[in-house]
Amino acid sequence: MIIKHADSKQPAVATLETLRKRPDATEAQKQSVDKELKILRAGIKGEEESAYLIDFDFKSSKMTAVIHDLRLEINGRVAQIDHLLIHRTLTVFVLETKHFNSGMKITDEGEFLRWNDYKKAYEGMPSPLAQNERHIEVLKDAFGVIDMPTRLGLRLTPSFESYVLASASARIDRSKKFDGSRIIKADVLLKTIEKQWDNESLLDTLGSMGKFVSTETIEAIGRQLCSLHRPIAVNYAAKFGFSDSPPSPPATPAPTPSTASAEIVAPVSEKPTSLACRQCGSNKISVQCCELMSCPVL
């Protein structure tokens, strides 16, 4: 049964893409954002591939509860768990997904190396097995704060199994001296678990059966763990040195009025029209209607 699906990572992708397009982004910032986007998308792809295969095998199971993408903060410690399977024997499978585009190598000393296709060389990486063991320590604290079934007055405690899931198409170069049996392809998880139980001793089998609980119980345990889920939103702007808000676009200048429209044309004043005598030029005249006048007007 599926108790929890993975949280959407698209808001984080959208935030990084927005930062990448900001006009104030430097080339160094763009390169850092591009690298983060590449890692994020690869992680999303790996988790989605593993989740699909896990759901295919366990979605209808009444024996196993499935939790995807569980982030815990317990007693000051943090665990980001990709996938969690809770079996009715109270066996908890803690699964860490690793997506390797170009392959992974495990040395005789247990060091994990991944192939850098750009540099054409192997480079070191944190041990996913050690990372998963730290997750289990936080999980133990989480199981300590939730309600657990009892038997004969004793509180039942789970057992933990750690596996690292690689892509079905990934290349894994294993060491003959280091036990890499906990590094498996995601598409053989169910077979690996079944094989593990087949190889258990009679004492181990009896111990597991002594903790056998109902389907309703593992569902209740799973939902209690999900109630402790503490998702986190990364402040990518602060991480890559961006200001809190993008710079405002420059203000559009007001249109400059043309010289013709700005020039004020002074009104042309006309001199008042006056009457004057054509012969003597005097304006001290009077108009008389008489044909005998020798000085006609105008």
C-alpha atoms as a PDB file:
ATOM      1  CA  MET A   1       0.000   0.000   0.000  1.00  0.00           C
ATOM      2  CA  ILE A   2       1.170   3.534  -0.732  1.00  0.00           C
ATOM      3  CA  ILE A   3       1.106   5.830   2.306  1.00  0.00           C
ATOM      4  CA  LYS A   4       2.883   8.852   0.807  1.00  0.00           C
ATOM      5  CA  HIS A   5       3.995   9.909  -2.658  1.00  0.00           C
ATOM      6  CA  ALA A   6       7.019  12.109  -3.286  1.00  0.00           C
ATOM      7  CA  ASP A   7       6.638  15.859  -2.914  1.00  0.00           C
ATOM      8  CA  SER A   8       6.764  17.810  -6.166  1.00  0.00           C
ATOM      9  CA  LYS A   9      10.191  19.247  -6.978  1.00  0.00           C
ATOM     10  CA  GLN A  10       8.893  21.455  -9.796  1.00  0.00           C
ATOM     11  CA  PRO A  11       8.699  24.618  -7.637  1.00  0.00           C
ATOM     12  CA  ALA A  12      12.433  24.269  -6.963  1.00  0.00           C
ATOM     13  CA  VAL A  13      13.133  23.766 -10.671  1.00  0.00           C
ATOM     14  CA  ALA A  14      11.028  26.824 -11.538  1.00  0.00           C
ATOM     15  CA  THR A  15      12.858  28.946  -8.955  1.00  0.00           C
ATOM     16  CA  LEU A  16      16.261  27.990 -10.349  1.00  0.00           C
ATOM     17  CA  GLU A  17      15.149  28.660 -13.913  1.00  0.00           C
ATOM     18  CA  THR A  18      13.903  32.103 -12.861  1.00  0.00           C
ATOM     19  CA  LEU A  19      17.227  32.904 -11.168  1.00  0.00           C
ATOM     20  CA  ARG A  20      19.059  31.766 -14.283  1.00  0.00           C
ATOM     21  CA  LYS A  21      17.169  34.345 -16.372  1.00  0.00           C
ATOM     22  CA  ARG A  22      17.593  37.301 -13.998  1.00  0.00           C
ATOM     23  CA  PRO A  23      19.266  40.294 -15.675  1.00  0.00           C
ATOM     24  CA  ASP A  24      21.636  40.747 -12.733  1.00  0.00           C
ATOM     25  CA  ALA A  25      22.902  37.131 -12.848  1.00  0.00           C
ATOM     26  CA  THR A  26      26.662  36.909 -13.351  1.00  0.00           C
ATOM     27  CA  GLU A  27      28.269  34.190 -15.451  1.00  0.00           C
ATOM     28  CA  ALA A  28      29.548  32.500 -12.288  1.00  0.00           C
ATOM     29  CA  GLN A  29      26.054  32.510 -10.800  1.00  0.00           C
ATOM     30  CA  LYS A  30      24.575  31.108 -14.007  1.00  0.00           C
ATOM     31  CA  GLN A  31      27.101  28.274 -13.985  1.00  0.00           C
ATOM     32  CA  SER A  32      26.308  27.466 -10.350  1.00  0.00           C
ATOM     33  CA  VAL A  33      22.565  27.483 -11.040  1.00  0.00           C
ATOM     34  CA  ASP A  34      23.041  25.282 -14.120  1.00  0.00           C
ATOM     35  CA  LYS A  35      25.000  22.768 -12.039  1.00  0.00           C
ATOM     36  CA  GLU A  36      22.310  22.763  -9.349  1.00  0.00           C
ATOM     37  CA  LEU A  37      19.604  22.248 -11.972  1.00  0.00           C
ATOM     38  CA  LYS A  38      21.502  19.328 -13.453  1.00  0.00           C
ATOM     39  CA  ILE A  39      21.888  17.640 -10.059  1.00  0.00           C
ATOM     40  CA  LEU A  40      18.259  18.315  -9.134  1.00  0.00           C
ATOM     41  CA  ARG A  41      16.878  16.954 -12.397  1.00  0.00           C
ATOM     42  CA  ALA A  42      19.069  13.867 -12.206  1.00  0.00           C
ATOM     43  CA  GLY A  43      17.856  13.233  -8.666  1.00  0.00           C
ATOM     44  CA  ILE A  44      14.231  13.680  -9.694  1.00  0.00           C
ATOM     45  CA  LYS A  45      14.687  11.255 -12.569  1.00  0.00           C
ATOM     46  CA  GLY A  46      16.323   8.623 -10.360  1.00  0.00           C
ATOM     47  CA  GLU A  47      13.699   8.902  -7.624  1.00  0.00           C
ATOM     48  CA  GLU A  48      10.833   8.755 -10.118  1.00  0.00           C
ATOM     49  CA  GLU A  49      12.268   5.656 -11.790  1.00  0.00           C
ATOM     50  CA  SER A  50      12.715   3.892  -8.449  1.00  0.00           C
ATOM     51  CA  ALA A  51       9.294   5.014  -7.202  1.00  0.00           C
ATOM     52  CA  TYR A  52       7.641   3.617 -10.315  1.00  0.00           C
ATOM     53  CA  LEU A  53       9.262   0.203  -9.839  1.00  0.00           C
ATOM     54  CA  ILE A  54       8.537   0.141  -6.099  1.00  0.00           C
ATOM     55  CA  ASP A  55       4.899   1.093  -6.644  1.00  0.00           C
ATOM     56  CA  PHE A  56       4.578  -1.529  -9.368  1.00  0.00           C
ATOM     57  CA  ASP A  57       5.678  -4.264  -6.943  1.00  0.00           C
ATOM     58  CA  PHE A  58       4.114  -3.059  -3.685  1.00  0.00           C
ATOM     59  CA  LYS A  59       1.132  -0.822  -4.513  1.00  0.00           C
ATOM     60  CA  SER A  60      -1.433  -3.592  -4.000  1.00  0.00           C
ATOM     61  CA  SER A  61       0.467  -5.368  -1.243  1.00  0.00           C
ATOM     62  CA  LYS A  62      -1.213  -5.947   2.115  1.00  0.00           C
ATOM     63  CA  MET A  63       2.142  -6.931   3.595  1.00  0.00           C
ATOM     64  CA  THR A  64       4.138  -3.759   2.962  1.00  0.00           C
ATOM     65  CA  ALA A  65       3.510  -0.032   3.439  1.00  0.00           C
ATOM     66  CA  VAL A  66       5.387   2.354   1.139  1.00  0.00           C
ATOM     67  CA  ILE A  67       6.516   5.907   1.930  1.00  0.00           C
ATOM     68  CA  HIS A  68       8.277   8.080  -0.639  1.00  0.00           C
ATOM     69  CA  ASP A  69      10.293  11.211   0.143  1.00  0.00           C
ATOM     70  CA  LEU A  70      10.295  11.431   3.943  1.00  0.00           C
ATOM     71  CA  ARG A  71      12.264  14.213   5.629  1.00  0.00           C
ATOM     72  CA  LEU A  72      12.697  13.956   9.391  1.00  0.00           C
ATOM     73  CA  GLU A  73      14.070  16.398  11.954  1.00  0.00           C
ATOM     74  CA  ILE A  74      14.517  14.565  15.255  1.00  0.00           C
ATOM     75  CA  ASN A  75      16.686  15.677  18.184  1.00  0.00           C
ATOM     76  CA  GLY A  76      18.600  18.147  16.047  1.00  0.00           C
ATOM     77  CA  ARG A  77      19.408  15.607  13.343  1.00  0.00           C
ATOM     78  CA  VAL A  78      18.002  15.476   9.823  1.00  0.00           C
ATOM     79  CA  ALA A  79      17.334  12.554   7.491  1.00  0.00           C
ATOM     80  CA  GLN A  80      16.114  12.850   3.906  1.00  0.00           C
ATOM     81  CA  ILE A  81      14.871   9.362   3.042  1.00  0.00           C
ATOM     82  CA  ASP A  82      14.053   8.608  -0.582  1.00  0.00           C
ATOM     83  CA  HIS A  83      11.923   5.488  -0.029  1.00  0.00           C
ATOM     84  CA  LEU A  84      10.786   3.510   3.006  1.00  0.00           C
ATOM     85  CA  LEU A  85       9.147   0.072   3.101  1.00  0.00           C
ATOM     86  CA  ILE A  86       7.505  -1.162   6.312  1.00  0.00           C
ATOM     87  CA  HIS A  87       6.786  -4.901   6.319  1.00  0.00           C
ATOM     88  CA  ARG A  88       4.331  -6.641   8.631  1.00  0.00           C
ATOM     89  CA  THR A  89       7.279  -8.328  10.351  1.00  0.00           C
ATOM     90  CA  LEU A  90       8.289  -4.767  11.380  1.00  0.00           C
ATOM     91  CA  THR A  91      11.245  -4.993   9.038  1.00  0.00           C
ATOM     92  CA  VAL A  92      11.917  -1.509   7.665  1.00  0.00           C
ATOM     93  CA  PHE A  93      13.764  -1.206   4.358  1.00  0.00           C
ATOM     94  CA  VAL A  94      15.540   2.133   4.023  1.00  0.00           C
ATOM     95  CA  LEU A  95      16.235   2.850   0.360  1.00  0.00           C
ATOM     96  CA  GLU A  96      18.599   5.501  -0.974  1.00  0.00           C
ATOM     97  CA  THR A  97      18.373   6.288  -4.694  1.00  0.00           C
ATOM     98  CA  LYS A  98      21.478   7.237  -6.663  1.00  0.00           C
ATOM     99  CA  HIS A  99      21.325   8.214 -10.320  1.00  0.00           C
ATOM    100  CA  PHE A 100      24.565   7.746 -12.230  1.00  0.00           C
ATOM    101  CA  ASN A 101      24.541   8.782 -15.869  1.00  0.00           C
ATOM    102  CA  SER A 102      27.940   7.295 -16.632  1.00  0.00           C
ATOM    103  CA  GLY A 103      28.464   4.611 -14.005  1.00  0.00           C
ATOM    104  CA  MET A 104      29.864   4.022 -10.534  1.00  0.00           C
ATOM    105  CA  LYS A 105      32.891   2.184  -9.168  1.00  0.00           C
ATOM    106  CA  ILE A 106      33.492   0.690  -5.711  1.00  0.00           C
ATOM    107  CA  THR A 107      37.114   0.231  -4.622  1.00  0.00           C
ATOM    108  CA  ASP A 108      38.509  -2.549  -2.437  1.00  0.00           C
ATOM    109  CA  GLU A 109      38.483  -0.123   0.483  1.00  0.00           C
ATOM    110  CA  GLY A 110      34.787   0.635   0.023  1.00  0.00           C
ATOM    111  CA  GLU A 111      35.315   4.051  -1.541  1.00  0.00           C
ATOM    112  CA  PHE A 112      32.650   5.115  -4.014  1.00  0.00           C
ATOM    113  CA  LEU A 113      33.666   6.770  -7.271  1.00  0.00           C
ATOM    114  CA  ARG A 114      31.535   8.163 -10.077  1.00  0.00           C
ATOM    115  CA  TRP A 115      32.589   8.742 -13.644  1.00  0.00           C
ATOM    116  CA  ASN A 116      32.890  12.359 -14.731  1.00  0.00           C
ATOM    117  CA  ASP A 117      32.164  12.320 -18.441  1.00  0.00           C
ATOM    118  CA  TYR A 118      33.450  15.884 -18.851  1.00  0.00           C
ATOM    119  CA  LYS A 119      36.803  15.248 -17.161  1.00  0.00           C
ATOM    120  CA  LYS A 120      37.005  11.650 -18.457  1.00  0.00           C
ATOM    121  CA  ALA A 121      37.993  10.404 -15.022  1.00  0.00           C
ATOM    122  CA  TYR A 122      36.533   8.941 -11.837  1.00  0.00           C
ATOM    123  CA  GLU A 123      35.964  11.305  -8.920  1.00  0.00           C
ATOM    124  CA  GLY A 124      35.173  10.649  -5.283  1.00  0.00           C
ATOM    125  CA  MET A 125      31.682  10.854  -3.824  1.00  0.00           C
ATOM    126  CA  PRO A 126      30.140  10.388  -0.352  1.00  0.00           C
ATOM    127  CA  SER A 127      29.378   6.783   0.514  1.00  0.00           C
ATOM    128  CA  PRO A 128      25.624   6.188   0.012  1.00  0.00           C
ATOM    129  CA  LEU A 129      25.831   3.253   2.432  1.00  0.00           C
ATOM    130  CA  ALA A 130      27.225   5.471   5.195  1.00  0.00           C
ATOM    131  CA  GLN A 131      24.600   8.087   4.349  1.00  0.00           C
ATOM    132  CA  ASN A 132      21.847   5.508   4.700  1.00  0.00           C
ATOM    133  CA  GLU A 133      23.208   4.347   8.056  1.00  0.00           C
ATOM    134  CA  ARG A 134      22.901   7.918   9.324  1.00  0.00           C
ATOM    135  CA  HIS A 135      19.311   7.975   8.081  1.00  0.00           C
ATOM    136  CA  ILE A 136      18.606   4.814  10.054  1.00  0.00           C
ATOM    137  CA  GLU A 137      19.893   6.410  13.259  1.00  0.00           C
ATOM    138  CA  VAL A 138      17.418   9.274  12.826  1.00  0.00           C
ATOM    139  CA  LEU A 139      14.667   6.781  11.975  1.00  0.00           C
ATOM    140  CA  LYS A 140      15.289   4.941  15.229  1.00  0.00           C
ATOM    141  CA  ASP A 141      14.657   8.203  17.089  1.00  0.00           C
ATOM    142  CA  ALA A 142      11.486   8.738  15.043  1.00  0.00           C
ATOM    143  CA  PHE A 143      10.163   5.294  15.944  1.00  0.00           C
ATOM    144  CA  GLY A 144      10.856   6.164  19.560  1.00  0.00           C
ATOM    145  CA  VAL A 145       8.365   9.054  19.540  1.00  0.00           C
ATOM    146  CA  ILE A 146       5.440   7.344  17.793  1.00  0.00           C
ATOM    147  CA  ASP A 147       3.008   4.768  19.140  1.00  0.00           C
ATOM    148  CA  MET A 148       4.179   1.207  18.562  1.00  0.00           C
ATOM    149  CA  PRO A 149       2.374  -2.078  19.173  1.00  0.00           C
ATOM    150  CA  THR A 150       3.187  -4.133  22.246  1.00  0.00           C
ATOM    151  CA  ARG A 151       3.371  -7.850  22.858  1.00  0.00           C
ATOM    152  CA  LEU A 152       3.272  -9.419  26.305  1.00  0.00           C
ATOM    153  CA  GLY A 153       3.560  -5.921  27.697  1.00  0.00           C
ATOM    154  CA  LEU A 154       6.731  -5.162  25.735  1.00  0.00           C
ATOM    155  CA  ARG A 155       7.002  -2.477  23.091  1.00  0.00           C
ATOM    156  CA  LEU A 156       7.902  -3.924  19.695  1.00  0.00           C
ATOM    157  CA  THR A 157      10.879  -2.384  17.903  1.00  0.00           C
ATOM    158  CA  PRO A 158      11.578  -2.593  14.172  1.00  0.00           C
ATOM    159  CA  SER A 159      14.652  -3.978  12.466  1.00  0.00           C
ATOM    160  CA  PHE A 160      16.264  -2.019   9.644  1.00  0.00           C
ATOM    161  CA  GLU A 161      17.663  -3.064   6.280  1.00  0.00           C
ATOM    162  CA  SER A 162      19.674  -0.661   4.119  1.00  0.00           C
ATOM    163  CA  TYR A 163      19.829  -0.714   0.321  1.00  0.00           C
ATOM    164  CA  VAL A 164      21.131   1.720  -2.277  1.00  0.00           C
ATOM    165  CA  LEU A 165      19.157   1.709  -5.531  1.00  0.00           C
ATOM    166  CA  ALA A 166      20.884   2.464  -8.816  1.00  0.00           C
ATOM    167  CA  SER A 167      19.248   2.952 -12.184  1.00  0.00           C
ATOM    168  CA  ALA A 168      18.434  -0.240 -14.049  1.00  0.00           C
ATOM    169  CA  SER A 169      20.703   0.940 -16.879  1.00  0.00           C
ATOM    170  CA  ALA A 170      23.587   2.109 -14.673  1.00  0.00           C
ATOM    171  CA  ARG A 171      27.009   0.478 -14.837  1.00  0.00           C
ATOM    172  CA  ILE A 172      28.398  -0.629 -11.469  1.00  0.00           C
ATOM    173  CA  ASP A 173      32.027  -1.778 -11.188  1.00  0.00           C
ATOM    174  CA  ARG A 174      32.117  -3.832  -8.000  1.00  0.00           C
ATOM    175  CA  SER A 175      35.090  -4.817  -5.884  1.00  0.00           C
ATOM    176  CA  LYS A 176      35.812  -8.469  -5.182  1.00  0.00           C
ATOM    177  CA  LYS A 177      37.029  -7.592  -1.676  1.00  0.00           C
ATOM    178  CA  PHE A 178      34.332  -5.149  -0.564  1.00  0.00           C
ATOM    179  CA  ASP A 179      30.791  -6.391   0.075  1.00  0.00           C
ATOM    180  CA  GLY A 180      28.673  -4.383  -2.330  1.00  0.00           C
ATOM    181  CA  SER A 181      25.581  -6.586  -2.073  1.00  0.00           C
ATOM    182  CA  ARG A 182      23.601  -3.667  -0.649  1.00  0.00           C
ATOM    183  CA  ILE A 183      24.079  -1.734  -3.894  1.00  0.00           C
ATOM    184  CA  ILE A 184      21.438  -3.084  -6.278  1.00  0.00           C
ATOM    185  CA  LYS A 185      19.551  -2.152  -9.420  1.00  0.00           C
ATOM    186  CA  ALA A 186      16.115  -0.701  -8.686  1.00  0.00           C
ATOM    187  CA  ASP A 187      14.359  -3.260 -10.865  1.00  0.00           C
ATOM    188  CA  VAL A 188      15.557  -6.232  -8.760  1.00  0.00           C
ATOM    189  CA  LEU A 189      14.567  -4.877  -5.337  1.00  0.00           C
ATOM    190  CA  LEU A 190      11.679  -7.292  -4.806  1.00  0.00           C
ATOM    191  CA  LYS A 191      13.758 -10.310  -5.833  1.00  0.00           C
ATOM    192  CA  THR A 192      16.583  -9.178  -3.563  1.00  0.00           C
ATOM    193  CA  ILE A 193      14.245  -8.904  -0.568  1.00  0.00           C
ATOM    194  CA  GLU A 194      12.699 -12.304  -1.291  1.00  0.00           C
ATOM    195  CA  LYS A 195      16.159 -13.853  -1.601  1.00  0.00           C
ATOM    196  CA  GLN A 196      17.192 -12.278   1.699  1.00  0.00           C
ATOM    197  CA  TRP A 197      14.228 -13.856   3.480  1.00  0.00           C
ATOM    198  CA  ASP A 198      14.866 -17.199   1.818  1.00  0.00           C
ATOM    199  CA  ASN A 199      18.413 -17.169   3.192  1.00  0.00           C
ATOM    200  CA  GLU A 200      17.384 -16.300   6.762  1.00  0.00           C
ATOM    201  CA  SER A 201      18.088 -18.794   9.496  1.00  0.00           C
ATOM    202  CA  LEU A 202      15.251 -20.487  11.357  1.00  0.00           C
ATOM    203  CA  LEU A 203      15.996 -18.340  14.418  1.00  0.00           C
ATOM    204  CA  ASP A 204      15.785 -15.141  12.386  1.00  0.00           C
ATOM    205  CA  THR A 205      12.536 -16.297  10.815  1.00  0.00           C
ATOM    206  CA  LEU A 206      11.007 -17.098  14.197  1.00  0.00           C
ATOM    207  CA  GLY A 207      12.132 -13.710  15.503  1.00  0.00           C
ATOM    208  CA  SER A 208      10.478 -11.942  12.584  1.00  0.00           C
ATOM    209  CA  MET A 209       7.259 -13.898  12.965  1.00  0.00           C
ATOM    210  CA  GLY A 210       7.178 -13.025  16.660  1.00  0.00           C
ATOM    211  CA  LYS A 211       6.762  -9.360  15.660  1.00  0.00           C
ATOM    212  CA  PHE A 212       4.202 -10.016  12.936  1.00  0.00           C
ATOM    213  CA  VAL A 213       1.499  -7.317  12.985  1.00  0.00           C
ATOM    214  CA  SER A 214      -1.638  -6.538  10.999  1.00  0.00           C
ATOM    215  CA  THR A 215      -1.947  -4.516   7.813  1.00  0.00           C
ATOM    216  CA  GLU A 216      -3.809  -1.835   9.779  1.00  0.00           C
ATOM    217  CA  THR A 217      -0.904  -1.594  12.214  1.00  0.00           C
ATOM    218  CA  ILE A 218       1.766  -0.935   9.592  1.00  0.00           C
ATOM    219  CA  GLU A 219      -0.548   1.585   7.960  1.00  0.00           C
ATOM    220  CA  ALA A 220      -0.947   3.395  11.290  1.00  0.00           C
ATOM    221  CA  ILE A 221       2.829   3.341  11.820  1.00  0.00           C
ATOM    222  CA  GLY A 222       3.388   4.735   8.324  1.00  0.00           C
ATOM    223  CA  ARG A 223       0.926   7.566   8.817  1.00  0.00           C
ATOM    224  CA  GLN A 224       2.526   8.500  12.142  1.00  0.00           C
ATOM    225  CA  LEU A 225       5.909   8.710  10.442  1.00  0.00           C
ATOM    226  CA  CYS A 226       4.408  10.880   7.695  1.00  0.00           C
ATOM    227  CA  SER A 227       3.071  13.239  10.364  1.00  0.00           C
ATOM    228  CA  LEU A 228       6.729  13.879  11.264  1.00  0.00           C
ATOM    229  CA  HIS A 229       7.555  14.865   7.672  1.00  0.00           C
ATOM    230  CA  ARG A 230       9.252  18.270   7.592  1.00  0.00           C
ATOM    231  CA  PRO A 231       9.715  19.450   4.001  1.00  0.00           C
ATOM    232  CA  ILE A 232      12.195  22.210   3.375  1.00  0.00           C
ATOM    233  CA  ALA A 233      12.242  24.998   0.795  1.00  0.00           C
ATOM    234  CA  VAL A 234      15.801  25.920  -0.160  1.00  0.00           C
ATOM    235  CA  ASN A 235      16.517  29.641  -0.462  1.00  0.00           C
ATOM    236  CA  TYR A 236      18.366  29.385  -3.756  1.00  0.00           C
ATOM    237  CA  ALA A 237      18.672  33.160  -4.114  1.00  0.00           C
ATOM    238  CA  ALA A 238      20.668  33.351  -0.884  1.00  0.00           C
ATOM    239  CA  LYS A 239      22.597  30.170  -1.715  1.00  0.00           C
ATOM    240  CA  PHE A 240      23.920  31.619  -4.961  1.00  0.00           C
ATOM    241  CA  GLY A 241      24.352  35.206  -3.786  1.00  0.00           C
ATOM    242  CA  PHE A 242      21.376  36.863  -5.447  1.00  0.00           C
ATOM    243  CA  SER A 243      19.597  39.831  -3.894  1.00  0.00           C
ATOM    244  CA  ASP A 244      16.217  39.178  -2.325  1.00  0.00           C
ATOM    245  CA  SER A 245      14.360  40.652  -5.278  1.00  0.00           C
ATOM    246  CA  PRO A 246      15.375  41.133  -8.916  1.00  0.00           C
ATOM    247  CA  PRO A 247      16.319  44.663  -9.987  1.00  0.00           C
ATOM    248  CA  SER A 248      13.463  46.785 -11.238  1.00  0.00           C
ATOM    249  CA  PRO A 249      13.481  47.439 -14.986  1.00  0.00           C
ATOM    250  CA  PRO A 250      14.643  50.970 -15.920  1.00  0.00           C
ATOM    251  CA  ALA A 251      11.837  53.504 -16.027  1.00  0.00           C
ATOM    252  CA  THR A 252      10.709  54.488 -19.500  1.00  0.00           C
ATOM    253  CA  PRO A 253      11.564  58.198 -20.024  1.00  0.00           C
ATOM    254  CA  ALA A 254       8.688  60.550 -20.790  1.00  0.00           C
ATOM    255  CA  PRO A 255       8.561  61.582 -24.464  1.00  0.00           C
ATOM    256  CA  THR A 256      10.383  64.860 -25.132  1.00  0.00           C
ATOM    257  CA  PRO A 257       8.099  67.452 -26.785  1.00  0.00           C
ATOM    258  CA  SER A 258       9.242  68.536 -30.237  1.00  0.00           C
ATOM    259  CA  THR A 259      10.566  72.053 -30.818  1.00  0.00           C
ATOM    260  CA  ALA A 260       7.642  72.876 -33.017  1.00  0.00           C
ATOM    261  CA  SER A 261       5.081  71.874 -30.419  1.00  0.00           C
ATOM    262  CA  ALA A 262       7.022  73.417 -27.555  1.00  0.00           C
ATOM    263  CA  GLU A 263       7.494  76.784 -29.235  1.00  0.00           C
ATOM    264  CA  ILE A 264       4.872  79.288 -28.334  1.00  0.00           C
ATOM    265  CA  VAL A 265       3.994  81.434 -31.283  1.00  0.00           C
ATOM    266  CA  ALA A 266       3.292  84.984 -30.251  1.00  0.00           C
ATOM    267  CA  PRO A 267       0.108  86.383 -31.692  1.00  0.00           C
ATOM    268  CA  VAL A 268       0.591  88.840 -34.472  1.00  0.00           C
ATOM    269  CA  SER A 269      -0.841  92.157 -33.495  1.00  0.00           C
ATOM    270  CA  GLU A 270      -2.358  94.165 -36.234  1.00  0.00           C
ATOM    271  CA  LYS A 271      -2.320  97.904 -36.219  1.00  0.00           C
ATOM    272  CA  PRO A 272      -5.752  99.335 -36.002  1.00  0.00           C
ATOM    273  CA  THR A 273      -7.024 100.555 -39.289  1.00  0.00           C
ATOM    274  CA  SER A 274      -7.401 104.395 -39.436  1.00  0.00           C
ATOM    275  CA  LEU A 275      -8.837 106.690 -42.103  1.00  0.00           C
ATOM    276  CA  ALA A 276      -6.675 109.439 -43.680  1.00  0.00           C
ATOM    277  CA  CYS A 277      -6.948 111.916 -46.445  1.00  0.00           C
ATOM    278  CA  ARG A 278      -5.283 110.726 -49.676  1.00  0.00           C
ATOM    279  CA  GLN A 279      -4.064 114.201 -50.555  1.00  0.00           C
ATOM    280  CA  CYS A 280      -2.901 115.777 -47.301  1.00  0.00           C
ATOM    281  CA  GLY A 281      -2.555 112.678 -45.130  1.00  0.00           C
ATOM    282  CA  SER A 282      -4.494 114.160 -42.251  1.00  0.00           C
ATOM    283  CA  ASN A 283      -6.691 111.827 -40.214  1.00  0.00           C
ATOM    284  CA  LYS A 284      -8.779 114.677 -38.937  1.00  0.00           C
ATOM    285  CA  ILE A 285     -11.480 114.151 -41.431  1.00  0.00           C
ATOM    286  CA  SER A 286     -15.162 113.688 -41.458  1.00  0.00           C
ATOM    287  CA  VAL A 287     -17.354 111.879 -43.857  1.00  0.00           C
ATOM    288  CA  GLN A 288     -19.975 113.924 -45.570  1.00  0.00           C
ATOM    289  CA  CYS A 289     -22.324 112.840 -48.229  1.00  0.00           C
ATOM    290  CA  CYS A 290     -21.799 115.624 -50.710  1.00  0.00           C
ATOM    291  CA  GLU A 291     -20.798 115.402 -54.322  1.00  0.00           C
ATOM    292  CA  LEU A 292     -19.194 118.898 -54.198  1.00  0.00           C
ATOM    293  CA  MET A 293     -16.460 117.842 -51.748  1.00  0.00           C
ATOM    294  CA  SER A 294     -13.043 118.183 -53.387  1.00  0.00           C
ATOM    295  CA  CYS A 295     -11.296 115.754 -50.946  1.00  0.00           C
ATOM    296  CA  PRO A 296     -12.895 112.300 -51.321  1.00  0.00           C
ATOM    297  CA  VAL A 297     -12.291 109.754 -48.601  1.00  0.00           C
ATOM    298  CA  LEU A 298     -10.040 106.804 -49.505  1.00  0.00           C
END
